[in-house]
Amino acid sequence: MKPLRVIVVGARGRMGRFACELLARTPGFELVGELGRDAALESALREAGAEVGLDLTVAGLGAAHARTMLACGVRPVVGTSGVTRAEVDELDRLARAQGLGGLVVPNFSLGMACLIRAAEQLVRDFPDVAIVELHHAEKRDAPSGTSLATRARLLARGAHAPLAIQSVRLPGLYAHQELVFGGAGETLTLRHDMHGPAAFAPGLLAALRWARSAEGVGFGLECVL
């Protein structure tokens, strides 16, 4: 199979730089473009000949960039926070109408995906739960996209509303999420700790491979798993 041609949007940021370095050294991928978030996206997409576009910009831009990618015949993989489920549904309709696919991923970590799957089982017996998300001081959005997606998943499985999220931003942290389930006379805690972007690599590569042949736009790394 020919290498998967990928263009990275948001290539100057922390995660974008990591993704570009990862793709450049991984067999089976060809990095055909590295764009800043303010680049002329449509013209760059058409010139690069990319199959998949990886958006790693900032919260609020992912859905718009994905629409532009689809309009250019490029399959989007969005790792940017702030894409709503309504926007995912819209992207899914647009993609299917064009015979394309893609993926919106709040978090590329395999460990986080496993934590959420475990939490969905626990919430049936412990519907009272709170989320604490902790990130480095430079992270702009709060609550994080991962914590918002986690809350939505747990509420859909019967967690008691409103299911509070506490956000912490401090030097020395990287990316961490804790779920505290409360019951009569006891608590149960799930915690996931990331200490650097290397944890994203397996999920990111798997998401790009999955998008190559996807039908419609999926949500979450569990589509790949």
N, C-alpha and C. Protein backbone atom coordinates (compact mmCIF):
# COMPACT_ATOMS: atom_id res chain seq x y z
N MET A 1 0.84 -1.19 0.00
CA MET A 1 0.00 0.00 0.00
C MET A 1 0.88 1.24 0.00
N LYS A 2 0.47 2.24 -0.75
CA LYS A 2 1.24 3.48 -0.81
C LYS A 2 1.20 4.19 0.54
N PRO A 3 2.23 4.97 0.85
CA PRO A 3 2.21 5.74 2.11
C PRO A 3 0.98 6.65 2.18
N LEU A 4 0.46 6.80 3.37
CA LEU A 4 -0.69 7.68 3.59
C LEU A 4 -0.21 9.12 3.62
N ARG A 5 -0.72 9.94 2.72
CA ARG A 5 -0.31 11.33 2.60
C ARG A 5 -1.11 12.19 3.59
N VAL A 6 -0.39 12.83 4.51
CA VAL A 6 -1.02 13.58 5.61
C VAL A 6 -0.52 15.02 5.60
N ILE A 7 -1.43 15.95 5.79
CA ILE A 7 -1.08 17.35 6.00
C ILE A 7 -1.49 17.73 7.42
N VAL A 8 -0.61 18.41 8.14
CA VAL A 8 -0.87 18.79 9.53
C VAL A 8 -1.20 20.28 9.58
N VAL A 9 -2.34 20.59 10.17
CA VAL A 9 -2.77 21.98 10.36
C VAL A 9 -2.59 22.30 11.85
N GLY A 10 -1.84 23.36 12.11
CA GLY A 10 -1.46 23.65 13.49
C GLY A 10 -0.09 23.07 13.78
N ALA A 11 0.76 23.03 12.77
CA ALA A 11 2.06 22.36 12.88
C ALA A 11 3.06 23.12 13.73
N ARG A 12 2.76 24.35 14.09
CA ARG A 12 3.71 25.13 14.88
C ARG A 12 3.48 25.00 16.39
N GLY A 13 2.37 24.43 16.78
CA GLY A 13 2.08 24.27 18.20
C GLY A 13 2.78 23.07 18.80
N ARG A 14 2.62 22.91 20.11
CA ARG A 14 3.27 21.82 20.84
C ARG A 14 2.90 20.46 20.25
N MET A 15 1.61 20.20 20.10
CA MET A 15 1.16 18.91 19.58
C MET A 15 1.43 18.79 18.09
N GLY A 16 1.31 19.89 17.37
CA GLY A 16 1.58 19.86 15.94
C GLY A 16 3.02 19.50 15.62
N ARG A 17 3.96 20.07 16.36
CA ARG A 17 5.37 19.74 16.15
C ARG A 17 5.63 18.26 16.42
N PHE A 18 5.03 17.77 17.51
CA PHE A 18 5.19 16.35 17.83
C PHE A 18 4.66 15.48 16.71
N ALA A 19 3.46 15.80 16.19
CA ALA A 19 2.84 14.99 15.14
C ALA A 19 3.69 15.00 13.87
N CYS A 20 4.23 16.15 13.50
CA CYS A 20 5.06 16.23 12.30
C CYS A 20 6.31 15.37 12.44
N GLU A 21 6.96 15.43 13.60
CA GLU A 21 8.15 14.61 13.82
C GLU A 21 7.80 13.12 13.81
N LEU A 22 6.66 12.77 14.39
CA LEU A 22 6.22 11.38 14.42
C LEU A 22 5.96 10.86 13.00
N LEU A 23 5.24 11.63 12.21
CA LEU A 23 4.90 11.19 10.85
C LEU A 23 6.14 11.10 9.97
N ALA A 24 7.07 12.01 10.17
CA ALA A 24 8.28 12.03 9.35
C ALA A 24 9.13 10.79 9.56
N ARG A 25 9.06 10.18 10.75
CA ARG A 25 9.92 9.03 11.04
C ARG A 25 9.18 7.69 11.02
N THR A 26 7.86 7.71 10.72
CA THR A 26 7.07 6.48 10.78
C THR A 26 6.83 5.93 9.38
N PRO A 27 7.27 4.70 9.10
CA PRO A 27 7.00 4.09 7.79
C PRO A 27 5.50 4.01 7.53
N GLY A 28 5.12 4.19 6.27
CA GLY A 28 3.72 4.10 5.89
C GLY A 28 3.02 5.44 5.87
N PHE A 29 3.74 6.51 6.22
CA PHE A 29 3.16 7.84 6.19
C PHE A 29 4.07 8.78 5.40
N GLU A 30 3.44 9.73 4.71
CA GLU A 30 4.17 10.78 4.01
C GLU A 30 3.61 12.13 4.46
N LEU A 31 4.44 12.93 5.08
CA LEU A 31 4.03 14.26 5.54
C LEU A 31 4.14 15.22 4.36
N VAL A 32 2.99 15.66 3.84
CA VAL A 32 2.99 16.46 2.61
C VAL A 32 2.74 17.94 2.88
N GLY A 33 2.54 18.33 4.14
CA GLY A 33 2.34 19.74 4.44
C GLY A 33 2.35 19.99 5.93
N GLU A 34 2.94 21.13 6.31
CA GLU A 34 2.97 21.58 7.70
C GLU A 34 2.47 23.01 7.71
N LEU A 35 1.23 23.21 8.16
CA LEU A 35 0.59 24.51 8.09
C LEU A 35 0.44 25.14 9.47
N GLY A 36 0.68 26.44 9.55
CA GLY A 36 0.28 27.18 10.73
C GLY A 36 -1.22 27.32 10.75
N ARG A 37 -1.77 27.65 11.92
CA ARG A 37 -3.23 27.69 12.02
C ARG A 37 -3.84 28.83 11.22
N ASP A 38 -3.03 29.82 10.82
CA ASP A 38 -3.55 30.95 10.06
C ASP A 38 -3.23 30.85 8.58
N ALA A 39 -2.79 29.69 8.11
CA ALA A 39 -2.45 29.50 6.71
C ALA A 39 -3.70 29.55 5.84
N ALA A 40 -3.49 29.80 4.55
CA ALA A 40 -4.59 29.75 3.58
C ALA A 40 -4.95 28.29 3.37
N LEU A 41 -5.88 27.80 4.17
CA LEU A 41 -6.10 26.36 4.29
C LEU A 41 -6.57 25.73 2.98
N GLU A 42 -7.57 26.31 2.34
CA GLU A 42 -8.15 25.68 1.16
C GLU A 42 -7.13 25.51 0.05
N SER A 43 -6.40 26.57 -0.26
CA SER A 43 -5.42 26.48 -1.35
C SER A 43 -4.30 25.51 -0.98
N ALA A 44 -3.88 25.50 0.28
CA ALA A 44 -2.81 24.59 0.70
C ALA A 44 -3.26 23.14 0.60
N LEU A 45 -4.52 22.87 0.98
CA LEU A 45 -5.04 21.51 0.89
C LEU A 45 -5.07 21.02 -0.55
N ARG A 46 -5.50 21.87 -1.45
CA ARG A 46 -5.61 21.47 -2.85
C ARG A 46 -4.25 21.27 -3.49
N GLU A 47 -3.26 22.04 -3.07
CA GLU A 47 -1.93 21.93 -3.65
C GLU A 47 -1.15 20.74 -3.10
N ALA A 48 -1.41 20.36 -1.86
CA ALA A 48 -0.58 19.34 -1.20
C ALA A 48 -0.88 17.93 -1.68
N GLY A 49 -2.10 17.68 -2.15
CA GLY A 49 -2.47 16.33 -2.55
C GLY A 49 -2.60 15.38 -1.39
N ALA A 50 -3.03 15.89 -0.24
CA ALA A 50 -3.17 15.07 0.97
C ALA A 50 -4.41 14.19 0.89
N GLU A 51 -4.33 13.01 1.49
CA GLU A 51 -5.50 12.15 1.66
C GLU A 51 -6.21 12.47 2.97
N VAL A 52 -5.41 12.73 4.02
CA VAL A 52 -5.95 12.99 5.36
C VAL A 52 -5.36 14.29 5.88
N GLY A 53 -6.22 15.10 6.50
CA GLY A 53 -5.77 16.32 7.16
C GLY A 53 -5.88 16.17 8.66
N LEU A 54 -4.81 16.43 9.37
CA LEU A 54 -4.78 16.33 10.83
C LEU A 54 -4.83 17.73 11.42
N ASP A 55 -5.92 18.06 12.09
CA ASP A 55 -6.08 19.39 12.68
C ASP A 55 -5.69 19.36 14.15
N LEU A 56 -4.67 20.16 14.48
CA LEU A 56 -4.18 20.26 15.86
C LEU A 56 -3.98 21.73 16.19
N THR A 57 -5.03 22.52 15.96
CA THR A 57 -4.94 23.96 16.16
C THR A 57 -5.37 24.34 17.57
N VAL A 58 -6.39 25.16 17.71
CA VAL A 58 -6.85 25.57 19.03
C VAL A 58 -8.36 25.37 19.12
N ALA A 59 -8.85 25.34 20.33
CA ALA A 59 -10.28 25.09 20.57
C ALA A 59 -11.13 26.06 19.77
N GLY A 60 -12.15 25.52 19.11
CA GLY A 60 -13.09 26.33 18.35
C GLY A 60 -12.86 26.34 16.86
N LEU A 61 -11.69 25.88 16.38
CA LEU A 61 -11.39 25.92 14.96
C LEU A 61 -11.57 24.57 14.27
N GLY A 62 -11.64 23.49 15.03
CA GLY A 62 -11.62 22.16 14.45
C GLY A 62 -12.74 21.88 13.47
N ALA A 63 -13.98 22.22 13.82
CA ALA A 63 -15.12 21.90 12.96
C ALA A 63 -15.03 22.66 11.64
N ALA A 64 -14.69 23.95 11.70
CA ALA A 64 -14.58 24.74 10.48
C ALA A 64 -13.47 24.20 9.58
N HIS A 65 -12.34 23.84 10.16
CA HIS A 65 -11.25 23.29 9.36
C HIS A 65 -11.65 21.96 8.75
N ALA A 66 -12.39 21.13 9.49
CA ALA A 66 -12.84 19.85 8.95
C ALA A 66 -13.78 20.05 7.78
N ARG A 67 -14.67 21.04 7.85
CA ARG A 67 -15.56 21.32 6.72
C ARG A 67 -14.77 21.72 5.48
N THR A 68 -13.75 22.54 5.67
CA THR A 68 -12.91 22.94 4.54
C THR A 68 -12.18 21.74 3.96
N MET A 69 -11.67 20.86 4.82
CA MET A 69 -11.00 19.66 4.33
C MET A 69 -11.93 18.81 3.48
N LEU A 70 -13.14 18.59 3.97
CA LEU A 70 -14.09 17.78 3.21
C LEU A 70 -14.42 18.42 1.88
N ALA A 71 -14.56 19.74 1.86
CA ALA A 71 -14.85 20.44 0.62
C ALA A 71 -13.74 20.27 -0.41
N CYS A 72 -12.51 20.02 0.09
CA CYS A 72 -11.35 19.82 -0.78
C CYS A 72 -11.08 18.34 -1.06
N GLY A 73 -11.96 17.46 -0.59
CA GLY A 73 -11.78 16.04 -0.81
C GLY A 73 -10.76 15.40 0.11
N VAL A 74 -10.47 16.04 1.25
CA VAL A 74 -9.49 15.54 2.22
C VAL A 74 -10.23 15.01 3.44
N ARG A 75 -9.82 13.87 3.93
CA ARG A 75 -10.46 13.25 5.09
C ARG A 75 -9.92 13.88 6.37
N PRO A 76 -10.77 14.45 7.23
CA PRO A 76 -10.28 15.13 8.43
C PRO A 76 -10.12 14.20 9.63
N VAL A 77 -9.03 14.42 10.37
CA VAL A 77 -8.87 13.87 11.71
C VAL A 77 -8.64 15.06 12.62
N VAL A 78 -9.59 15.32 13.51
CA VAL A 78 -9.57 16.54 14.33
C VAL A 78 -9.20 16.17 15.75
N GLY A 79 -8.06 16.67 16.20
CA GLY A 79 -7.64 16.46 17.58
C GLY A 79 -7.74 17.73 18.40
N THR A 80 -8.50 18.69 17.90
CA THR A 80 -8.66 19.99 18.55
C THR A 80 -9.91 20.00 19.42
N SER A 81 -9.83 20.59 20.59
CA SER A 81 -10.97 20.64 21.50
C SER A 81 -12.07 21.53 20.94
N GLY A 82 -13.28 21.34 21.47
CA GLY A 82 -14.37 22.26 21.19
C GLY A 82 -15.30 21.86 20.07
N VAL A 83 -15.14 20.68 19.50
CA VAL A 83 -16.07 20.22 18.46
C VAL A 83 -17.27 19.56 19.15
N THR A 84 -18.47 20.09 18.93
CA THR A 84 -19.66 19.58 19.59
C THR A 84 -20.18 18.34 18.87
N ARG A 85 -21.03 17.59 19.55
CA ARG A 85 -21.62 16.42 18.90
C ARG A 85 -22.49 16.81 17.74
N ALA A 86 -23.16 17.98 17.83
CA ALA A 86 -23.96 18.45 16.69
C ALA A 86 -23.06 18.72 15.49
N GLU A 87 -21.87 19.27 15.73
CA GLU A 87 -20.93 19.52 14.63
C GLU A 87 -20.40 18.22 14.06
N VAL A 88 -20.16 17.22 14.92
CA VAL A 88 -19.73 15.91 14.43
C VAL A 88 -20.80 15.31 13.53
N ASP A 89 -22.06 15.43 13.93
CA ASP A 89 -23.16 14.91 13.10
C ASP A 89 -23.20 15.61 11.75
N GLU A 90 -22.99 16.93 11.76
CA GLU A 90 -22.97 17.68 10.50
C GLU A 90 -21.82 17.22 9.61
N LEU A 91 -20.63 17.06 10.20
CA LEU A 91 -19.48 16.60 9.43
C LEU A 91 -19.72 15.19 8.88
N ASP A 92 -20.38 14.36 9.66
CA ASP A 92 -20.70 13.01 9.22
C ASP A 92 -21.59 13.04 7.98
N ARG A 93 -22.61 13.92 8.00
CA ARG A 93 -23.51 14.03 6.84
C ARG A 93 -22.74 14.52 5.61
N LEU A 94 -21.91 15.53 5.80
CA LEU A 94 -21.15 16.07 4.68
C LEU A 94 -20.21 15.02 4.10
N ALA A 95 -19.54 14.29 4.98
CA ALA A 95 -18.59 13.28 4.52
C ALA A 95 -19.28 12.17 3.75
N ARG A 96 -20.38 11.67 4.27
CA ARG A 96 -21.09 10.59 3.61
C ARG A 96 -21.62 11.02 2.24
N ALA A 97 -22.04 12.27 2.13
CA ALA A 97 -22.53 12.77 0.85
C ALA A 97 -21.44 12.79 -0.21
N GLN A 98 -20.18 12.85 0.24
CA GLN A 98 -19.05 12.90 -0.69
C GLN A 98 -18.28 11.59 -0.76
N GLY A 99 -18.78 10.56 -0.07
CA GLY A 99 -18.08 9.30 -0.07
C GLY A 99 -16.76 9.34 0.69
N LEU A 100 -16.71 10.19 1.73
CA LEU A 100 -15.50 10.36 2.52
C LEU A 100 -15.75 9.96 3.98
N GLY A 101 -14.71 10.06 4.78
CA GLY A 101 -14.84 9.77 6.20
C GLY A 101 -13.77 10.50 6.98
N GLY A 102 -13.84 10.37 8.27
CA GLY A 102 -12.87 11.04 9.13
C GLY A 102 -13.16 10.73 10.58
N LEU A 103 -12.54 11.49 11.47
CA LEU A 103 -12.66 11.19 12.89
C LEU A 103 -12.40 12.45 13.71
N VAL A 104 -13.21 12.63 14.76
CA VAL A 104 -12.99 13.69 15.75
C VAL A 104 -12.57 12.99 17.04
N VAL A 105 -11.39 13.35 17.56
CA VAL A 105 -10.81 12.62 18.70
C VAL A 105 -10.50 13.60 19.83
N PRO A 106 -11.26 13.60 20.91
CA PRO A 106 -10.94 14.48 22.03
C PRO A 106 -9.59 14.19 22.67
N ASN A 107 -9.14 12.92 22.60
CA ASN A 107 -7.88 12.54 23.23
C ASN A 107 -7.33 11.30 22.52
N PHE A 108 -6.07 11.37 22.06
CA PHE A 108 -5.47 10.26 21.33
C PHE A 108 -4.85 9.20 22.23
N SER A 109 -4.91 9.36 23.53
CA SER A 109 -4.28 8.43 24.45
C SER A 109 -5.07 7.13 24.57
N LEU A 110 -4.39 6.00 24.38
CA LEU A 110 -5.04 4.71 24.57
C LEU A 110 -5.44 4.50 26.03
N GLY A 111 -4.59 4.98 26.95
CA GLY A 111 -4.91 4.84 28.36
C GLY A 111 -6.17 5.58 28.75
N MET A 112 -6.36 6.78 28.18
CA MET A 112 -7.58 7.54 28.47
C MET A 112 -8.81 6.83 27.91
N ALA A 113 -8.67 6.26 26.72
CA ALA A 113 -9.80 5.51 26.15
C ALA A 113 -10.19 4.34 27.05
N CYS A 114 -9.19 3.67 27.61
CA CYS A 114 -9.47 2.56 28.52
C CYS A 114 -10.11 3.05 29.80
N LEU A 115 -9.66 4.19 30.32
CA LEU A 115 -10.26 4.76 31.53
C LEU A 115 -11.74 5.06 31.31
N ILE A 116 -12.07 5.64 30.18
CA ILE A 116 -13.47 5.99 29.93
C ILE A 116 -14.33 4.74 29.79
N ARG A 117 -13.80 3.71 29.15
CA ARG A 117 -14.56 2.46 29.05
C ARG A 117 -14.81 1.85 30.42
N ALA A 118 -13.79 1.89 31.29
CA ALA A 118 -13.98 1.38 32.65
C ALA A 118 -14.99 2.23 33.42
N ALA A 119 -14.93 3.55 33.22
CA ALA A 119 -15.86 4.44 33.93
C ALA A 119 -17.30 4.19 33.51
N GLU A 120 -17.51 3.86 32.25
CA GLU A 120 -18.88 3.58 31.79
C GLU A 120 -19.45 2.35 32.47
N GLN A 121 -18.61 1.42 32.85
CA GLN A 121 -19.09 0.26 33.60
C GLN A 121 -19.37 0.63 35.06
N LEU A 122 -18.49 1.41 35.67
CA LEU A 122 -18.63 1.76 37.07
C LEU A 122 -19.82 2.65 37.35
N VAL A 123 -20.14 3.54 36.39
CA VAL A 123 -21.18 4.54 36.67
C VAL A 123 -22.56 3.89 36.84
N ARG A 124 -22.72 2.67 36.39
CA ARG A 124 -24.00 1.99 36.59
C ARG A 124 -24.25 1.72 38.06
N ASP A 125 -23.17 1.49 38.83
CA ASP A 125 -23.30 1.22 40.25
C ASP A 125 -22.97 2.44 41.11
N PHE A 126 -22.22 3.38 40.55
CA PHE A 126 -21.84 4.61 41.26
C PHE A 126 -22.21 5.82 40.39
N PRO A 127 -23.49 6.19 40.36
CA PRO A 127 -23.92 7.27 39.47
C PRO A 127 -23.51 8.67 39.94
N ASP A 128 -23.04 8.79 41.17
CA ASP A 128 -22.55 10.09 41.66
C ASP A 128 -21.04 10.16 41.42
N VAL A 129 -20.63 11.05 40.54
CA VAL A 129 -19.22 11.10 40.13
C VAL A 129 -18.82 12.53 39.84
N ALA A 130 -17.57 12.84 40.07
CA ALA A 130 -17.01 14.15 39.75
C ALA A 130 -15.74 13.95 38.94
N ILE A 131 -15.40 14.93 38.12
CA ILE A 131 -14.21 14.88 37.26
C ILE A 131 -13.25 15.98 37.69
N VAL A 132 -12.00 15.62 37.86
CA VAL A 132 -10.95 16.60 38.09
C VAL A 132 -9.97 16.47 36.93
N GLU A 133 -9.78 17.54 36.16
CA GLU A 133 -8.81 17.50 35.07
C GLU A 133 -7.71 18.50 35.35
N LEU A 134 -6.46 18.05 35.18
CA LEU A 134 -5.30 18.85 35.53
C LEU A 134 -4.36 18.93 34.33
N HIS A 135 -3.95 20.15 33.97
CA HIS A 135 -3.08 20.33 32.82
C HIS A 135 -2.02 21.38 33.09
N HIS A 136 -1.05 21.42 32.20
CA HIS A 136 0.02 22.42 32.27
C HIS A 136 -0.55 23.83 32.17
N ALA A 137 0.21 24.79 32.65
CA ALA A 137 -0.28 26.17 32.78
C ALA A 137 -0.55 26.84 31.44
N GLU A 138 -0.01 26.30 30.34
CA GLU A 138 -0.17 26.93 29.04
C GLU A 138 -1.44 26.49 28.31
N LYS A 139 -2.14 25.50 28.84
CA LYS A 139 -3.38 25.06 28.19
C LYS A 139 -4.45 26.13 28.34
N ARG A 140 -5.02 26.53 27.21
CA ARG A 140 -5.91 27.69 27.21
C ARG A 140 -7.36 27.34 27.59
N ASP A 141 -7.86 26.21 27.09
CA ASP A 141 -9.28 25.92 27.32
C ASP A 141 -9.47 25.20 28.64
N ALA A 142 -10.57 25.52 29.31
CA ALA A 142 -10.94 24.87 30.56
C ALA A 142 -12.47 24.95 30.68
N PRO A 143 -13.16 23.83 30.92
CA PRO A 143 -12.62 22.48 31.06
C PRO A 143 -12.01 21.96 29.75
N SER A 144 -11.22 20.94 29.87
CA SER A 144 -10.59 20.34 28.69
C SER A 144 -11.63 19.64 27.83
N GLY A 145 -11.30 19.47 26.55
CA GLY A 145 -12.20 18.73 25.67
C GLY A 145 -12.37 17.29 26.10
N THR A 146 -11.32 16.71 26.66
CA THR A 146 -11.41 15.33 27.13
C THR A 146 -12.40 15.21 28.29
N SER A 147 -12.34 16.14 29.23
CA SER A 147 -13.24 16.05 30.38
C SER A 147 -14.69 16.28 29.97
N LEU A 148 -14.91 17.17 29.02
CA LEU A 148 -16.27 17.41 28.53
C LEU A 148 -16.81 16.17 27.82
N ALA A 149 -15.97 15.53 27.01
CA ALA A 149 -16.40 14.31 26.33
C ALA A 149 -16.66 13.20 27.34
N THR A 150 -15.83 13.12 28.38
CA THR A 150 -16.03 12.11 29.44
C THR A 150 -17.36 12.35 30.14
N ARG A 151 -17.64 13.59 30.49
CA ARG A 151 -18.91 13.90 31.15
C ARG A 151 -20.10 13.49 30.29
N ALA A 152 -20.04 13.81 29.00
CA ALA A 152 -21.16 13.46 28.12
C ALA A 152 -21.35 11.94 28.07
N ARG A 153 -20.25 11.20 28.00
CA ARG A 153 -20.36 9.74 27.95
C ARG A 153 -20.96 9.19 29.24
N LEU A 154 -20.56 9.72 30.39
CA LEU A 154 -21.06 9.21 31.66
C LEU A 154 -22.51 9.60 31.91
N LEU A 155 -22.89 10.80 31.51
CA LEU A 155 -24.29 11.21 31.65
C LEU A 155 -25.19 10.32 30.78
N ALA A 156 -24.69 9.96 29.60
CA ALA A 156 -25.47 9.08 28.73
C ALA A 156 -25.63 7.68 29.32
N ARG A 157 -24.72 7.31 30.25
CA ARG A 157 -24.78 5.98 30.88
C ARG A 157 -25.46 6.02 32.24
N GLY A 158 -26.02 7.17 32.62
CA GLY A 158 -26.81 7.21 33.85
C GLY A 158 -26.20 7.95 35.01
N ALA A 159 -25.07 8.64 34.80
CA ALA A 159 -24.50 9.44 35.89
C ALA A 159 -25.47 10.53 36.30
N HIS A 160 -25.44 10.88 37.57
CA HIS A 160 -26.32 11.94 38.07
C HIS A 160 -25.82 13.31 37.63
N ALA A 161 -26.70 14.09 37.05
CA ALA A 161 -26.38 15.46 36.64
C ALA A 161 -26.25 16.34 37.89
N PRO A 162 -25.46 17.45 37.81
CA PRO A 162 -24.82 17.97 36.60
C PRO A 162 -23.45 17.41 36.33
N LEU A 163 -22.90 16.59 37.18
CA LEU A 163 -21.58 15.98 37.05
C LEU A 163 -20.51 17.07 36.90
N ALA A 164 -20.04 17.54 38.04
CA ALA A 164 -19.13 18.69 38.09
C ALA A 164 -17.75 18.35 37.53
N ILE A 165 -17.13 19.35 36.90
CA ILE A 165 -15.75 19.25 36.43
C ILE A 165 -14.93 20.33 37.12
N GLN A 166 -13.83 19.93 37.73
CA GLN A 166 -12.90 20.88 38.32
C GLN A 166 -11.65 20.93 37.45
N SER A 167 -11.25 22.14 37.04
CA SER A 167 -10.08 22.31 36.19
C SER A 167 -8.92 22.91 36.98
N VAL A 168 -7.74 22.33 36.80
CA VAL A 168 -6.53 22.82 37.47
C VAL A 168 -5.48 23.09 36.39
N ARG A 169 -4.85 24.27 36.46
CA ARG A 169 -3.78 24.62 35.53
C ARG A 169 -2.56 25.06 36.36
N LEU A 170 -1.49 24.27 36.30
CA LEU A 170 -0.31 24.55 37.13
C LEU A 170 0.96 24.16 36.40
N PRO A 171 2.06 24.87 36.65
CA PRO A 171 3.36 24.41 36.15
C PRO A 171 3.68 23.05 36.75
N GLY A 172 4.39 22.23 35.99
CA GLY A 172 4.77 20.90 36.46
C GLY A 172 3.83 19.80 36.06
N LEU A 173 2.60 20.15 35.68
CA LEU A 173 1.64 19.16 35.20
C LEU A 173 1.79 19.01 33.69
N TYR A 174 1.27 17.90 33.17
CA TYR A 174 1.17 17.76 31.71
C TYR A 174 -0.30 17.56 31.34
N ALA A 175 -0.84 16.34 31.49
CA ALA A 175 -2.26 16.09 31.22
C ALA A 175 -2.71 14.94 32.10
N HIS A 176 -3.72 15.20 32.94
CA HIS A 176 -4.16 14.22 33.93
C HIS A 176 -5.68 14.33 34.08
N GLN A 177 -6.32 13.19 34.33
CA GLN A 177 -7.76 13.20 34.60
C GLN A 177 -8.08 12.20 35.69
N GLU A 178 -8.91 12.63 36.62
CA GLU A 178 -9.31 11.80 37.75
C GLU A 178 -10.83 11.77 37.83
N LEU A 179 -11.38 10.59 37.98
CA LEU A 179 -12.82 10.41 38.17
C LEU A 179 -13.03 9.86 39.57
N VAL A 180 -13.83 10.55 40.36
CA VAL A 180 -14.11 10.13 41.74
C VAL A 180 -15.57 9.73 41.83
N PHE A 181 -15.80 8.44 42.07
CA PHE A 181 -17.16 7.91 42.21
C PHE A 181 -17.48 7.81 43.70
N GLY A 182 -18.65 8.30 44.09
CA GLY A 182 -19.04 8.30 45.49
C GLY A 182 -20.20 7.37 45.76
N GLY A 183 -20.11 6.61 46.85
CA GLY A 183 -21.20 5.74 47.29
C GLY A 183 -21.35 5.84 48.80
N ALA A 184 -22.29 5.13 49.35
CA ALA A 184 -22.53 5.18 50.79
C ALA A 184 -21.32 4.66 51.55
N GLY A 185 -20.61 5.54 52.24
CA GLY A 185 -19.48 5.15 53.05
C GLY A 185 -18.21 4.80 52.29
N GLU A 186 -18.15 5.10 50.98
CA GLU A 186 -16.95 4.76 50.22
C GLU A 186 -16.82 5.63 48.97
N THR A 187 -15.62 5.71 48.46
CA THR A 187 -15.36 6.34 47.17
C THR A 187 -14.47 5.41 46.36
N LEU A 188 -14.54 5.57 45.04
CA LEU A 188 -13.72 4.79 44.13
C LEU A 188 -13.14 5.77 43.12
N THR A 189 -11.83 5.71 42.89
CA THR A 189 -11.16 6.70 42.04
C THR A 189 -10.45 6.03 40.88
N LEU A 190 -10.67 6.58 39.69
CA LEU A 190 -9.90 6.22 38.50
C LEU A 190 -9.04 7.42 38.12
N ARG A 191 -7.80 7.20 37.78
CA ARG A 191 -6.91 8.30 37.41
C ARG A 191 -6.01 7.90 36.25
N HIS A 192 -5.85 8.83 35.34
CA HIS A 192 -4.94 8.64 34.22
C HIS A 192 -3.94 9.78 34.20
N ASP A 193 -2.67 9.45 34.06
CA ASP A 193 -1.60 10.45 34.05
C ASP A 193 -0.79 10.34 32.77
N MET A 194 -0.65 11.48 32.10
CA MET A 194 0.25 11.57 30.94
C MET A 194 1.40 12.48 31.32
N HIS A 195 2.61 12.07 30.95
CA HIS A 195 3.80 12.83 31.31
C HIS A 195 4.49 13.43 30.09
N GLY A 196 3.91 13.22 28.91
CA GLY A 196 4.47 13.78 27.69
C GLY A 196 3.68 13.31 26.49
N PRO A 197 3.94 13.90 25.33
CA PRO A 197 3.13 13.59 24.14
C PRO A 197 3.35 12.20 23.57
N ALA A 198 4.39 11.49 24.01
CA ALA A 198 4.63 10.15 23.47
C ALA A 198 3.41 9.24 23.65
N ALA A 199 2.61 9.49 24.68
CA ALA A 199 1.42 8.67 24.92
C ALA A 199 0.39 8.80 23.80
N PHE A 200 0.46 9.88 23.04
CA PHE A 200 -0.51 10.09 21.96
C PHE A 200 -0.16 9.31 20.70
N ALA A 201 1.10 8.89 20.55
CA ALA A 201 1.56 8.37 19.27
C ALA A 201 0.77 7.17 18.75
N PRO A 202 0.58 6.09 19.53
CA PRO A 202 -0.14 4.93 18.97
C PRO A 202 -1.56 5.27 18.53
N GLY A 203 -2.29 6.04 19.35
CA GLY A 203 -3.65 6.39 19.00
C GLY A 203 -3.73 7.32 17.82
N LEU A 204 -2.80 8.26 17.73
CA LEU A 204 -2.79 9.21 16.61
C LEU A 204 -2.57 8.48 15.29
N LEU A 205 -1.58 7.61 15.25
CA LEU A 205 -1.30 6.86 14.02
C LEU A 205 -2.47 5.95 13.65
N ALA A 206 -3.07 5.31 14.66
CA ALA A 206 -4.22 4.44 14.41
C ALA A 206 -5.40 5.23 13.86
N ALA A 207 -5.61 6.44 14.37
CA ALA A 207 -6.72 7.27 13.90
C ALA A 207 -6.53 7.67 12.44
N LEU A 208 -5.31 8.03 12.07
CA LEU A 208 -5.03 8.40 10.69
C LEU A 208 -5.25 7.22 9.74
N ARG A 209 -4.78 6.05 10.15
CA ARG A 209 -4.98 4.86 9.31
C ARG A 209 -6.46 4.55 9.16
N TRP A 210 -7.20 4.67 10.27
CA TRP A 210 -8.64 4.37 10.23
C TRP A 210 -9.37 5.33 9.30
N ALA A 211 -9.00 6.61 9.35
CA ALA A 211 -9.68 7.62 8.54
C ALA A 211 -9.50 7.38 7.05
N ARG A 212 -8.42 6.72 6.68
CA ARG A 212 -8.13 6.50 5.25
C ARG A 212 -9.26 5.79 4.54
N SER A 213 -9.94 4.88 5.23
CA SER A 213 -11.02 4.11 4.60
C SER A 213 -12.36 4.27 5.29
N ALA A 214 -12.47 5.23 6.19
CA ALA A 214 -13.71 5.39 6.97
C ALA A 214 -14.86 5.86 6.09
N GLU A 215 -16.05 5.46 6.49
CA GLU A 215 -17.28 5.95 5.86
C GLU A 215 -17.99 6.84 6.87
N GLY A 216 -18.03 8.13 6.63
CA GLY A 216 -18.59 9.06 7.58
C GLY A 216 -17.57 9.45 8.64
N VAL A 217 -17.94 10.42 9.46
CA VAL A 217 -17.05 10.94 10.49
C VAL A 217 -17.45 10.37 11.85
N GLY A 218 -16.54 9.67 12.48
CA GLY A 218 -16.78 9.10 13.79
C GLY A 218 -16.31 10.01 14.90
N PHE A 219 -16.60 9.60 16.13
CA PHE A 219 -16.23 10.40 17.30
C PHE A 219 -15.55 9.52 18.33
N GLY A 220 -14.33 9.88 18.70
CA GLY A 220 -13.64 9.19 19.76
C GLY A 220 -12.74 8.07 19.27
N LEU A 221 -11.71 7.80 20.04
CA LEU A 221 -10.75 6.78 19.67
C LEU A 221 -11.35 5.39 19.73
N GLU A 222 -12.48 5.23 20.42
CA GLU A 222 -13.09 3.90 20.49
C GLU A 222 -13.54 3.41 19.11
N CYS A 223 -13.76 4.31 18.15
CA CYS A 223 -14.07 3.89 16.77
C CYS A 223 -12.93 3.05 16.22
N VAL A 224 -11.71 3.44 16.54
CA VAL A 224 -10.53 2.75 16.06
C VAL A 224 -10.29 1.47 16.85
N LEU A 225 -10.45 1.54 18.16
CA LEU A 225 -10.19 0.38 19.01
C LEU A 225 -11.17 -0.74 18.75
